[in-house]
């Protein structure tokens, strides 16, 4: 199974805008340039990393980077802040835990966090109910778009136009953590990570299957069996270590796919080109420390050609 085979399986798109009442948001409220944002979990709290490209620097941004103790990366500066809009975040958190709901990416502009997501139309009523709760905060919350999804490939084209992205693919052995779903991972399936909020060692994902999954399988629940869509919770210690280190080093990942390759897992990660060196360094470092035989297959800039093999 290739990503293009699941391109529009999640057929709905939702874009939310959330304002934060923090010192950091106030300081950048008048900036109109979109800044990439990565939202992740830390000790049960929601945090975000905001990325400032090196070529965007001026005297005002330099003061801001110093004021908020930005971390210096190879091609950007990153500011970490906690998300404190508890009310609206709680609703977004409920959305993120709906079956099939996937956050594609986030960015910031005009004092708002913009959250771009996809979900399956079978969840439309549940999404609508939560949006009614979300929009009650008229000052700080907006629904910017709700309608048909253009699909994964079109979304990646759009992101690449805003800032360059690359991909890395690698194989690693199944390490036993996936034992309960090993039979599923031997079929024509692909999993797409849903979000990066979990910090208990697990991965929430949407599972796409080329054939119906029969019976009760621990960790897997149906979303739309007719469309081959399920939700899944899986554990893999290697992937968890890579995720945690990437969060610690402020590395944004745009999309994350896992599929079986015999007795191994084949992993595909899309991320900003500016972070590709730091990310593959983490993969190799974790592989050395855990003595995992990891094989990197591709490491290259994004083009339409990648959909022929991922």
C-alpha atoms as a PDB file:
ATOM      1  CA  UNK A   1       0.000   0.000   0.000  1.00  0.00           C
ATOM      2  CA  UNK A   2       1.229   3.488  -0.921  1.00  0.00           C
ATOM      3  CA  UNK A   3       0.196   6.856   0.517  1.00  0.00           C
ATOM      4  CA  UNK A   4      -1.519   7.736  -2.761  1.00  0.00           C
ATOM      5  CA  UNK A   5      -3.835   4.742  -2.186  1.00  0.00           C
ATOM      6  CA  UNK A   6      -5.176   6.425   0.957  1.00  0.00           C
ATOM      7  CA  UNK A   7      -4.958   9.996  -0.355  1.00  0.00           C
ATOM      8  CA  UNK A   8      -8.578  11.006   0.332  1.00  0.00           C
ATOM      9  CA  UNK A   9      -9.658   8.235   2.689  1.00  0.00           C
ATOM     10  CA  UNK A  10     -10.112  10.926   5.325  1.00  0.00           C
ATOM     11  CA  UNK A  11     -12.480  12.966   3.207  1.00  0.00           C
ATOM     12  CA  UNK A  12     -13.076  16.034   5.401  1.00  0.00           C
ATOM     13  CA  UNK A  13     -10.816  18.969   6.278  1.00  0.00           C
ATOM     14  CA  UNK A  14     -11.054  21.316   9.276  1.00  0.00           C
ATOM     15  CA  UNK A  15      -8.957  24.425   9.965  1.00  0.00           C
ATOM     16  CA  UNK A  16      -9.215  26.007  13.420  1.00  0.00           C
ATOM     17  CA  UNK A  17      -7.758  29.277  14.711  1.00  0.00           C
ATOM     18  CA  UNK A  18      -7.009  29.724  18.422  1.00  0.00           C
ATOM     19  CA  UNK A  19      -5.776  32.832  20.195  1.00  0.00           C
ATOM     20  CA  UNK A  20      -3.655  32.640  23.342  1.00  0.00           C
ATOM     21  CA  UNK A  21      -3.536  35.233  26.104  1.00  0.00           C
ATOM     22  CA  UNK A  22       0.194  35.034  26.785  1.00  0.00           C
ATOM     23  CA  UNK A  23       3.161  37.387  26.768  1.00  0.00           C
ATOM     24  CA  UNK A  24       4.607  35.574  23.744  1.00  0.00           C
ATOM     25  CA  UNK A  25       1.394  35.890  21.699  1.00  0.00           C
ATOM     26  CA  UNK A  26       1.126  39.577  22.549  1.00  0.00           C
ATOM     27  CA  UNK A  27       4.702  40.132  21.401  1.00  0.00           C
ATOM     28  CA  UNK A  28       4.103  38.649  17.937  1.00  0.00           C
ATOM     29  CA  UNK A  29       0.432  39.561  17.424  1.00  0.00           C
ATOM     30  CA  UNK A  30       1.231  42.069  14.668  1.00  0.00           C
ATOM     31  CA  UNK A  31       3.360  39.642  12.648  1.00  0.00           C
ATOM     32  CA  UNK A  32       1.593  38.641   9.422  1.00  0.00           C
ATOM     33  CA  UNK A  33       4.194  36.135   8.252  1.00  0.00           C
ATOM     34  CA  UNK A  34       3.173  32.523   8.902  1.00  0.00           C
ATOM     35  CA  UNK A  35       5.484  30.833  11.372  1.00  0.00           C
ATOM     36  CA  UNK A  36       5.518  27.010  11.527  1.00  0.00           C
ATOM     37  CA  UNK A  37       4.340  25.609  14.869  1.00  0.00           C
ATOM     38  CA  UNK A  38       4.658  22.113  16.319  1.00  0.00           C
ATOM     39  CA  UNK A  39       2.251  21.115  19.125  1.00  0.00           C
ATOM     40  CA  UNK A  40       3.281  18.290  21.458  1.00  0.00           C
ATOM     41  CA  UNK A  41       2.703  16.879  24.914  1.00  0.00           C
ATOM     42  CA  UNK A  42       5.015  17.407  27.891  1.00  0.00           C
ATOM     43  CA  UNK A  43       4.166  15.935  31.310  1.00  0.00           C
ATOM     44  CA  UNK A  44       0.439  16.096  30.650  1.00  0.00           C
ATOM     45  CA  UNK A  45       0.543  19.666  29.331  1.00  0.00           C
ATOM     46  CA  UNK A  46       0.252  20.989  25.767  1.00  0.00           C
ATOM     47  CA  UNK A  47       3.298  22.856  24.503  1.00  0.00           C
ATOM     48  CA  UNK A  48       4.226  24.372  21.178  1.00  0.00           C
ATOM     49  CA  UNK A  49       7.465  25.143  19.377  1.00  0.00           C
ATOM     50  CA  UNK A  50       7.398  28.214  17.118  1.00  0.00           C
ATOM     51  CA  UNK A  51      10.018  28.397  14.355  1.00  0.00           C
ATOM     52  CA  UNK A  52      11.623  31.633  13.130  1.00  0.00           C
ATOM     53  CA  UNK A  53      13.627  31.193   9.895  1.00  0.00           C
ATOM     54  CA  UNK A  54      17.098  32.697  10.021  1.00  0.00           C
ATOM     55  CA  UNK A  55      16.415  34.817   6.938  1.00  0.00           C
ATOM     56  CA  UNK A  56      13.421  36.477   8.653  1.00  0.00           C
ATOM     57  CA  UNK A  57      15.525  38.154  11.333  1.00  0.00           C
ATOM     58  CA  UNK A  58      15.434  41.890  12.010  1.00  0.00           C
ATOM     59  CA  UNK A  59      16.030  44.025  15.095  1.00  0.00           C
ATOM     60  CA  UNK A  60      12.528  43.390  16.495  1.00  0.00           C
ATOM     61  CA  UNK A  61      12.735  39.623  15.984  1.00  0.00           C
ATOM     62  CA  UNK A  62      16.245  39.563  17.486  1.00  0.00           C
ATOM     63  CA  UNK A  63      14.897  41.230  20.634  1.00  0.00           C
ATOM     64  CA  UNK A  64      12.008  38.777  20.743  1.00  0.00           C
ATOM     65  CA  UNK A  65      14.317  35.756  20.334  1.00  0.00           C
ATOM     66  CA  UNK A  66      16.506  37.009  23.155  1.00  0.00           C
ATOM     67  CA  UNK A  67      13.538  37.819  25.397  1.00  0.00           C
ATOM     68  CA  UNK A  68      12.028  34.341  25.076  1.00  0.00           C
ATOM     69  CA  UNK A  69      15.351  32.478  25.117  1.00  0.00           C
ATOM     70  CA  UNK A  70      15.027  30.935  21.684  1.00  0.00           C
ATOM     71  CA  UNK A  71      16.969  27.763  20.956  1.00  0.00           C
ATOM     72  CA  UNK A  72      19.315  28.094  17.994  1.00  0.00           C
ATOM     73  CA  UNK A  73      18.997  25.426  15.303  1.00  0.00           C
ATOM     74  CA  UNK A  74      20.880  24.955  12.051  1.00  0.00           C
ATOM     75  CA  UNK A  75      18.457  27.021   9.917  1.00  0.00           C
ATOM     76  CA  UNK A  76      16.046  28.524  12.430  1.00  0.00           C
ATOM     77  CA  UNK A  77      15.421  29.732  15.961  1.00  0.00           C
ATOM     78  CA  UNK A  78      12.789  28.005  18.096  1.00  0.00           C
ATOM     79  CA  UNK A  79      10.742  29.357  20.989  1.00  0.00           C
ATOM     80  CA  UNK A  80       8.999  26.858  23.299  1.00  0.00           C
ATOM     81  CA  UNK A  81       5.878  28.021  25.138  1.00  0.00           C
ATOM     82  CA  UNK A  82       3.079  26.323  27.017  1.00  0.00           C
ATOM     83  CA  UNK A  83      -0.435  26.593  25.579  1.00  0.00           C
ATOM     84  CA  UNK A  84      -2.581  28.138  28.289  1.00  0.00           C
ATOM     85  CA  UNK A  85      -5.947  28.643  26.569  1.00  0.00           C
ATOM     86  CA  UNK A  86      -7.322  25.798  28.662  1.00  0.00           C
ATOM     87  CA  UNK A  87     -10.954  26.070  27.608  1.00  0.00           C
ATOM     88  CA  UNK A  88     -10.436  26.061  23.838  1.00  0.00           C
ATOM     89  CA  UNK A  89      -7.545  23.614  24.061  1.00  0.00           C
ATOM     90  CA  UNK A  90      -9.791  21.190  25.946  1.00  0.00           C
ATOM     91  CA  UNK A  91     -12.222  21.185  23.026  1.00  0.00           C
ATOM     92  CA  UNK A  92      -9.395  20.742  20.509  1.00  0.00           C
ATOM     93  CA  UNK A  93      -8.055  17.917  22.659  1.00  0.00           C
ATOM     94  CA  UNK A  94     -11.474  16.231  22.448  1.00  0.00           C
ATOM     95  CA  UNK A  95     -11.379  16.626  18.664  1.00  0.00           C
ATOM     96  CA  UNK A  96      -7.906  15.075  18.538  1.00  0.00           C
ATOM     97  CA  UNK A  97      -9.218  12.030  20.394  1.00  0.00           C
ATOM     98  CA  UNK A  98     -12.071  11.406  17.953  1.00  0.00           C
ATOM     99  CA  UNK A  99     -11.567   8.322  15.776  1.00  0.00           C
ATOM    100  CA  UNK A 100      -9.889   9.271  12.476  1.00  0.00           C
ATOM    101  CA  UNK A 101      -9.095  12.878  13.495  1.00  0.00           C
ATOM    102  CA  UNK A 102      -5.558  13.791  12.356  1.00  0.00           C
ATOM    103  CA  UNK A 103      -3.711  17.068  12.821  1.00  0.00           C
ATOM    104  CA  UNK A 104      -1.737  17.666   9.618  1.00  0.00           C
ATOM    105  CA  UNK A 105       0.262  20.650  10.846  1.00  0.00           C
ATOM    106  CA  UNK A 106       0.039  23.976  12.680  1.00  0.00           C
ATOM    107  CA  UNK A 107       1.311  27.493  12.153  1.00  0.00           C
ATOM    108  CA  UNK A 108       0.885  30.963  13.651  1.00  0.00           C
ATOM    109  CA  UNK A 109      -0.098  34.298  12.142  1.00  0.00           C
ATOM    110  CA  UNK A 110      -1.903  37.435  13.290  1.00  0.00           C
ATOM    111  CA  UNK A 111      -1.871  36.314  16.908  1.00  0.00           C
ATOM    112  CA  UNK A 112      -3.628  32.990  16.234  1.00  0.00           C
ATOM    113  CA  UNK A 113      -2.477  29.374  16.119  1.00  0.00           C
ATOM    114  CA  UNK A 114      -3.856  27.794  12.940  1.00  0.00           C
ATOM    115  CA  UNK A 115      -4.514  24.052  13.265  1.00  0.00           C
ATOM    116  CA  UNK A 116      -5.053  22.091  10.035  1.00  0.00           C
ATOM    117  CA  UNK A 117      -6.722  18.683  10.328  1.00  0.00           C
ATOM    118  CA  UNK A 118      -8.475  15.868   8.461  1.00  0.00           C
ATOM    119  CA  UNK A 119     -11.123  13.369   9.539  1.00  0.00           C
ATOM    120  CA  UNK A 120     -13.567  10.837   8.108  1.00  0.00           C
ATOM    121  CA  UNK A 121     -17.084  12.044   7.310  1.00  0.00           C
ATOM    122  CA  UNK A 122     -18.553   9.344   9.580  1.00  0.00           C
ATOM    123  CA  UNK A 123     -17.384  11.560  12.469  1.00  0.00           C
ATOM    124  CA  UNK A 124     -19.093  14.706  11.120  1.00  0.00           C
ATOM    125  CA  UNK A 125     -21.815  14.814  13.798  1.00  0.00           C
ATOM    126  CA  UNK A 126     -19.301  14.438  16.635  1.00  0.00           C
ATOM    127  CA  UNK A 127     -17.059  17.122  15.117  1.00  0.00           C
ATOM    128  CA  UNK A 128     -20.007  19.487  14.675  1.00  0.00           C
ATOM    129  CA  UNK A 129     -21.070  18.997  18.290  1.00  0.00           C
ATOM    130  CA  UNK A 130     -17.592  19.853  19.562  1.00  0.00           C
ATOM    131  CA  UNK A 131     -17.352  22.872  17.243  1.00  0.00           C
ATOM    132  CA  UNK A 132     -20.552  24.240  18.791  1.00  0.00           C
ATOM    133  CA  UNK A 133     -18.752  24.122  22.142  1.00  0.00           C
ATOM    134  CA  UNK A 134     -15.517  25.509  20.689  1.00  0.00           C
ATOM    135  CA  UNK A 135     -17.082  28.542  18.978  1.00  0.00           C
ATOM    136  CA  UNK A 136     -18.774  29.661  22.206  1.00  0.00           C
ATOM    137  CA  UNK A 137     -15.501  31.515  22.870  1.00  0.00           C
ATOM    138  CA  UNK A 138     -16.022  34.058  20.111  1.00  0.00           C
ATOM    139  CA  UNK A 139     -13.058  36.217  21.105  1.00  0.00           C
ATOM    140  CA  UNK A 140     -10.394  33.519  20.892  1.00  0.00           C
ATOM    141  CA  UNK A 141     -11.667  30.768  18.603  1.00  0.00           C
ATOM    142  CA  UNK A 142     -12.523  30.590  14.903  1.00  0.00           C
ATOM    143  CA  UNK A 143     -13.508  27.906  12.395  1.00  0.00           C
ATOM    144  CA  UNK A 144     -11.603  28.913   9.282  1.00  0.00           C
ATOM    145  CA  UNK A 145     -12.551  25.989   7.020  1.00  0.00           C
ATOM    146  CA  UNK A 146     -14.810  22.959   7.171  1.00  0.00           C
ATOM    147  CA  UNK A 147     -15.390  20.948   4.014  1.00  0.00           C
ATOM    148  CA  UNK A 148     -14.019  18.289   1.658  1.00  0.00           C
ATOM    149  CA  UNK A 149     -10.349  17.437   2.013  1.00  0.00           C
ATOM    150  CA  UNK A 150      -8.098  17.958  -1.029  1.00  0.00           C
ATOM    151  CA  UNK A 151      -6.113  14.870   0.035  1.00  0.00           C
ATOM    152  CA  UNK A 152      -2.677  14.214   1.514  1.00  0.00           C
ATOM    153  CA  UNK A 153      -0.683  14.818  -1.676  1.00  0.00           C
ATOM    154  CA  UNK A 154      -2.274  18.224  -2.318  1.00  0.00           C
ATOM    155  CA  UNK A 155      -1.772  19.223   1.309  1.00  0.00           C
ATOM    156  CA  UNK A 156       1.921  18.318   1.104  1.00  0.00           C
ATOM    157  CA  UNK A 157       2.253  20.384  -2.091  1.00  0.00           C
ATOM    158  CA  UNK A 158       0.756  23.353  -0.248  1.00  0.00           C
ATOM    159  CA  UNK A 159       3.085  22.997   2.747  1.00  0.00           C
ATOM    160  CA  UNK A 160       6.116  22.668   0.468  1.00  0.00           C
ATOM    161  CA  UNK A 161       5.202  25.955  -1.209  1.00  0.00           C
ATOM    162  CA  UNK A 162       5.184  27.698   2.182  1.00  0.00           C
ATOM    163  CA  UNK A 163       8.453  26.175   3.417  1.00  0.00           C
ATOM    164  CA  UNK A 164      10.609  23.385   1.894  1.00  0.00           C
ATOM    165  CA  UNK A 165      10.023  19.882   3.214  1.00  0.00           C
ATOM    166  CA  UNK A 166      11.947  16.646   2.858  1.00  0.00           C
ATOM    167  CA  UNK A 167      11.323  13.029   3.718  1.00  0.00           C
ATOM    168  CA  UNK A 168      13.224  10.229   5.337  1.00  0.00           C
ATOM    169  CA  UNK A 169      12.250   6.564   5.100  1.00  0.00           C
ATOM    170  CA  UNK A 170      13.790   3.776   7.150  1.00  0.00           C
ATOM    171  CA  UNK A 171      13.181   0.172   8.199  1.00  0.00           C
ATOM    172  CA  UNK A 172      13.501  -1.252  11.698  1.00  0.00           C
ATOM    173  CA  UNK A 173      12.756  -4.654  13.260  1.00  0.00           C
ATOM    174  CA  UNK A 174       9.484  -5.214  15.065  1.00  0.00           C
ATOM    175  CA  UNK A 175      10.578  -5.241  18.693  1.00  0.00           C
ATOM    176  CA  UNK A 176       7.799  -7.203  20.355  1.00  0.00           C
ATOM    177  CA  UNK A 177       5.786  -4.188  21.472  1.00  0.00           C
ATOM    178  CA  UNK A 178       3.479  -4.738  18.496  1.00  0.00           C
ATOM    179  CA  UNK A 179       2.704  -8.370  19.410  1.00  0.00           C
ATOM    180  CA  UNK A 180      -1.051  -7.819  19.852  1.00  0.00           C
ATOM    181  CA  UNK A 181      -1.388  -6.358  16.356  1.00  0.00           C
ATOM    182  CA  UNK A 182       1.329  -8.368  14.589  1.00  0.00           C
ATOM    183  CA  UNK A 183      -1.233 -10.279  12.538  1.00  0.00           C
ATOM    184  CA  UNK A 184      -2.704  -7.000  11.294  1.00  0.00           C
ATOM    185  CA  UNK A 185       0.728  -5.606  10.425  1.00  0.00           C
ATOM    186  CA  UNK A 186       1.334  -8.553   8.111  1.00  0.00           C
ATOM    187  CA  UNK A 187      -1.441  -7.455   5.748  1.00  0.00           C
ATOM    188  CA  UNK A 188      -1.991  -4.717   3.175  1.00  0.00           C
ATOM    189  CA  UNK A 189      -2.149  -1.897   5.718  1.00  0.00           C
ATOM    190  CA  UNK A 190      -0.664   1.493   6.540  1.00  0.00           C
ATOM    191  CA  UNK A 191      -0.864   3.548   9.735  1.00  0.00           C
ATOM    192  CA  UNK A 192      -0.769   7.350   9.925  1.00  0.00           C
ATOM    193  CA  UNK A 193       0.128   8.941  13.269  1.00  0.00           C
ATOM    194  CA  UNK A 194      -2.702  11.151  14.559  1.00  0.00           C
ATOM    195  CA  UNK A 195      -0.936  13.694  16.800  1.00  0.00           C
ATOM    196  CA  UNK A 196       2.052  14.166  19.111  1.00  0.00           C
ATOM    197  CA  UNK A 197       0.241  14.840  22.376  1.00  0.00           C
ATOM    198  CA  UNK A 198       0.600  11.369  23.918  1.00  0.00           C
ATOM    199  CA  UNK A 199       3.508  11.103  26.338  1.00  0.00           C
ATOM    200  CA  UNK A 200       2.797   7.630  27.772  1.00  0.00           C
ATOM    201  CA  UNK A 201       4.892   5.761  25.211  1.00  0.00           C
ATOM    202  CA  UNK A 202       1.970   4.979  22.898  1.00  0.00           C
ATOM    203  CA  UNK A 203       1.126   6.091  19.362  1.00  0.00           C
ATOM    204  CA  UNK A 204      -2.397   6.993  18.309  1.00  0.00           C
ATOM    205  CA  UNK A 205      -2.870   6.344  14.609  1.00  0.00           C
ATOM    206  CA  UNK A 206      -5.390   5.870  11.853  1.00  0.00           C
ATOM    207  CA  UNK A 207      -5.034   2.432  10.287  1.00  0.00           C
ATOM    208  CA  UNK A 208      -5.901   1.987   6.621  1.00  0.00           C
ATOM    209  CA  UNK A 209      -6.534  -1.580   5.473  1.00  0.00           C
ATOM    210  CA  UNK A 210      -6.963  -2.983   1.981  1.00  0.00           C
ATOM    211  CA  UNK A 211      -9.326  -5.667   3.327  1.00  0.00           C
ATOM    212  CA  UNK A 212     -11.780  -5.867   6.268  1.00  0.00           C
ATOM    213  CA  UNK A 213     -10.314  -6.633   9.699  1.00  0.00           C
ATOM    214  CA  UNK A 214     -12.454  -9.339  11.309  1.00  0.00           C
ATOM    215  CA  UNK A 215     -12.859 -10.063  14.990  1.00  0.00           C
ATOM    216  CA  UNK A 216     -11.711  -8.125  18.013  1.00  0.00           C
ATOM    217  CA  UNK A 217      -8.076  -7.088  17.933  1.00  0.00           C
ATOM    218  CA  UNK A 218      -6.617  -5.409  20.992  1.00  0.00           C
ATOM    219  CA  UNK A 219      -5.712  -1.801  20.263  1.00  0.00           C
ATOM    220  CA  UNK A 220      -7.805  -1.530  17.087  1.00  0.00           C
ATOM    221  CA  UNK A 221     -11.321  -0.080  16.726  1.00  0.00           C
ATOM    222  CA  UNK A 222     -13.425   0.369  13.583  1.00  0.00           C
ATOM    223  CA  UNK A 223     -14.120   3.830  12.158  1.00  0.00           C
ATOM    224  CA  UNK A 224     -15.509   2.965   8.724  1.00  0.00           C
ATOM    225  CA  UNK A 225     -14.847  -0.707   7.877  1.00  0.00           C
ATOM    226  CA  UNK A 226     -16.441  -0.290   4.436  1.00  0.00           C
ATOM    227  CA  UNK A 227     -13.721   2.241   3.639  1.00  0.00           C
ATOM    228  CA  UNK A 228     -11.020   0.210   5.395  1.00  0.00           C
ATOM    229  CA  UNK A 229     -10.494   2.793   8.140  1.00  0.00           C
ATOM    230  CA  UNK A 230      -9.749   1.929  11.774  1.00  0.00           C
ATOM    231  CA  UNK A 231      -8.148   3.699  14.734  1.00  0.00           C
ATOM    232  CA  UNK A 232      -5.196   2.092  16.440  1.00  0.00           C
ATOM    233  CA  UNK A 233      -2.998   2.473  19.497  1.00  0.00           C
ATOM    234  CA  UNK A 234       0.433   0.901  19.166  1.00  0.00           C
ATOM    235  CA  UNK A 235       3.672   0.844  21.125  1.00  0.00           C
ATOM    236  CA  UNK A 236       7.190   0.671  19.778  1.00  0.00           C
ATOM    237  CA  UNK A 237      10.039   1.594  22.098  1.00  0.00           C
ATOM    238  CA  UNK A 238      12.374   2.675  19.285  1.00  0.00           C
ATOM    239  CA  UNK A 239       9.826   5.025  17.718  1.00  0.00           C
ATOM    240  CA  UNK A 240       8.927   6.386  21.156  1.00  0.00           C
ATOM    241  CA  UNK A 241      12.572   7.231  21.896  1.00  0.00           C
ATOM    242  CA  UNK A 242      12.952   8.960  18.526  1.00  0.00           C
ATOM    243  CA  UNK A 243       9.734  10.919  19.079  1.00  0.00           C
ATOM    244  CA  UNK A 244      10.738  12.047  22.576  1.00  0.00           C
ATOM    245  CA  UNK A 245      14.197  13.166  21.466  1.00  0.00           C
ATOM    246  CA  UNK A 246      12.756  14.990  18.455  1.00  0.00           C
ATOM    247  CA  UNK A 247      10.333  16.828  20.763  1.00  0.00           C
ATOM    248  CA  UNK A 248      13.177  17.750  23.094  1.00  0.00           C
ATOM    249  CA  UNK A 249      15.172  19.139  20.160  1.00  0.00           C
ATOM    250  CA  UNK A 250      12.206  21.129  18.772  1.00  0.00           C
ATOM    251  CA  UNK A 251      11.968  19.152  15.518  1.00  0.00           C
ATOM    252  CA  UNK A 252       8.623  19.446  13.756  1.00  0.00           C
ATOM    253  CA  UNK A 253       7.285  16.460  11.836  1.00  0.00           C
ATOM    254  CA  UNK A 254       4.620  17.133   9.223  1.00  0.00           C
ATOM    255  CA  UNK A 255       3.400  13.596   8.450  1.00  0.00           C
ATOM    256  CA  UNK A 256       4.344  10.178   9.825  1.00  0.00           C
ATOM    257  CA  UNK A 257       3.444   6.826   8.217  1.00  0.00           C
ATOM    258  CA  UNK A 258       4.194   3.229   9.256  1.00  0.00           C
ATOM    259  CA  UNK A 259       3.596   0.055   7.250  1.00  0.00           C
ATOM    260  CA  UNK A 260       4.785  -3.559   7.428  1.00  0.00           C
ATOM    261  CA  UNK A 261       7.716  -4.826   5.390  1.00  0.00           C
ATOM    262  CA  UNK A 262       7.983  -8.531   6.206  1.00  0.00           C
ATOM    263  CA  UNK A 263       9.310  -8.801   9.770  1.00  0.00           C
ATOM    264  CA  UNK A 264      10.215  -5.116   9.786  1.00  0.00           C
ATOM    265  CA  UNK A 265       8.392  -1.806   9.985  1.00  0.00           C
ATOM    266  CA  UNK A 266       8.809   0.703   7.175  1.00  0.00           C
ATOM    267  CA  UNK A 267       8.618   4.285   8.467  1.00  0.00           C
ATOM    268  CA  UNK A 268       8.152   7.441   6.361  1.00  0.00           C
ATOM    269  CA  UNK A 269       8.485  10.891   7.933  1.00  0.00           C
ATOM    270  CA  UNK A 270       7.907  14.251   6.233  1.00  0.00           C
ATOM    271  CA  UNK A 271       9.493  17.251   7.944  1.00  0.00           C
ATOM    272  CA  UNK A 272      10.949  20.701   7.171  1.00  0.00           C
ATOM    273  CA  UNK A 273      14.141  20.444   5.153  1.00  0.00           C
ATOM    274  CA  UNK A 274      15.837  22.679   7.734  1.00  0.00           C
ATOM    275  CA  UNK A 275      15.500  19.879  10.325  1.00  0.00           C
ATOM    276  CA  UNK A 276      16.387  16.818   8.245  1.00  0.00           C
ATOM    277  CA  UNK A 277      20.019  16.566   9.468  1.00  0.00           C
ATOM    278  CA  UNK A 278      19.063  16.824  13.138  1.00  0.00           C
ATOM    279  CA  UNK A 279      16.277  14.269  12.726  1.00  0.00           C
ATOM    280  CA  UNK A 280      18.288  11.560  10.992  1.00  0.00           C
ATOM    281  CA  UNK A 281      21.061  12.112  13.540  1.00  0.00           C
ATOM    282  CA  UNK A 282      18.538  11.192  16.250  1.00  0.00           C
ATOM    283  CA  UNK A 283      17.520   8.033  14.365  1.00  0.00           C
ATOM    284  CA  UNK A 284      21.125   6.848  14.060  1.00  0.00           C
ATOM    285  CA  UNK A 285      21.910   7.792  17.667  1.00  0.00           C
ATOM    286  CA  UNK A 286      18.938   5.827  19.046  1.00  0.00           C
ATOM    287  CA  UNK A 287      19.814   2.898  16.762  1.00  0.00           C
ATOM    288  CA  UNK A 288      23.360   2.787  18.170  1.00  0.00           C
ATOM    289  CA  UNK A 289      22.225   3.025  21.785  1.00  0.00           C
ATOM    290  CA  UNK A 290      19.530   0.359  21.414  1.00  0.00           C
ATOM    291  CA  UNK A 291      21.549  -1.857  19.032  1.00  0.00           C
ATOM    292  CA  UNK A 292      18.676  -1.806  16.554  1.00  0.00           C
ATOM    293  CA  UNK A 293      19.494  -2.655  12.954  1.00  0.00           C
ATOM    294  CA  UNK A 294      17.950   0.379  11.293  1.00  0.00           C
ATOM    295  CA  UNK A 295      18.291   0.835   7.535  1.00  0.00           C
ATOM    296  CA  UNK A 296      17.704   4.303   6.085  1.00  0.00           C
ATOM    297  CA  UNK A 297      16.242   3.900   2.585  1.00  0.00           C
ATOM    298  CA  UNK A 298      15.560   7.453   1.419  1.00  0.00           C
ATOM    299  CA  UNK A 299      16.622  10.912   2.503  1.00  0.00           C
ATOM    300  CA  UNK A 300      15.664  13.527  -0.072  1.00  0.00           C
ATOM    301  CA  UNK A 301      13.748  16.743  -0.825  1.00  0.00           C
ATOM    302  CA  UNK A 302      10.010  16.510  -1.445  1.00  0.00           C
ATOM    303  CA  UNK A 303       8.779  16.268  -5.036  1.00  0.00           C
ATOM    304  CA  UNK A 304       5.679  14.718  -6.596  1.00  0.00           C
ATOM    305  CA  UNK A 305       7.838  11.701  -7.510  1.00  0.00           C
ATOM    306  CA  UNK A 306       7.912  10.507  -3.876  1.00  0.00           C
ATOM    307  CA  UNK A 307       4.312   9.281  -4.188  1.00  0.00           C
ATOM    308  CA  UNK A 308       5.584   6.553  -6.530  1.00  0.00           C
ATOM    309  CA  UNK A 309       7.366   4.743  -3.689  1.00  0.00           C
ATOM    310  CA  UNK A 310       6.046   5.894  -0.266  1.00  0.00           C
END
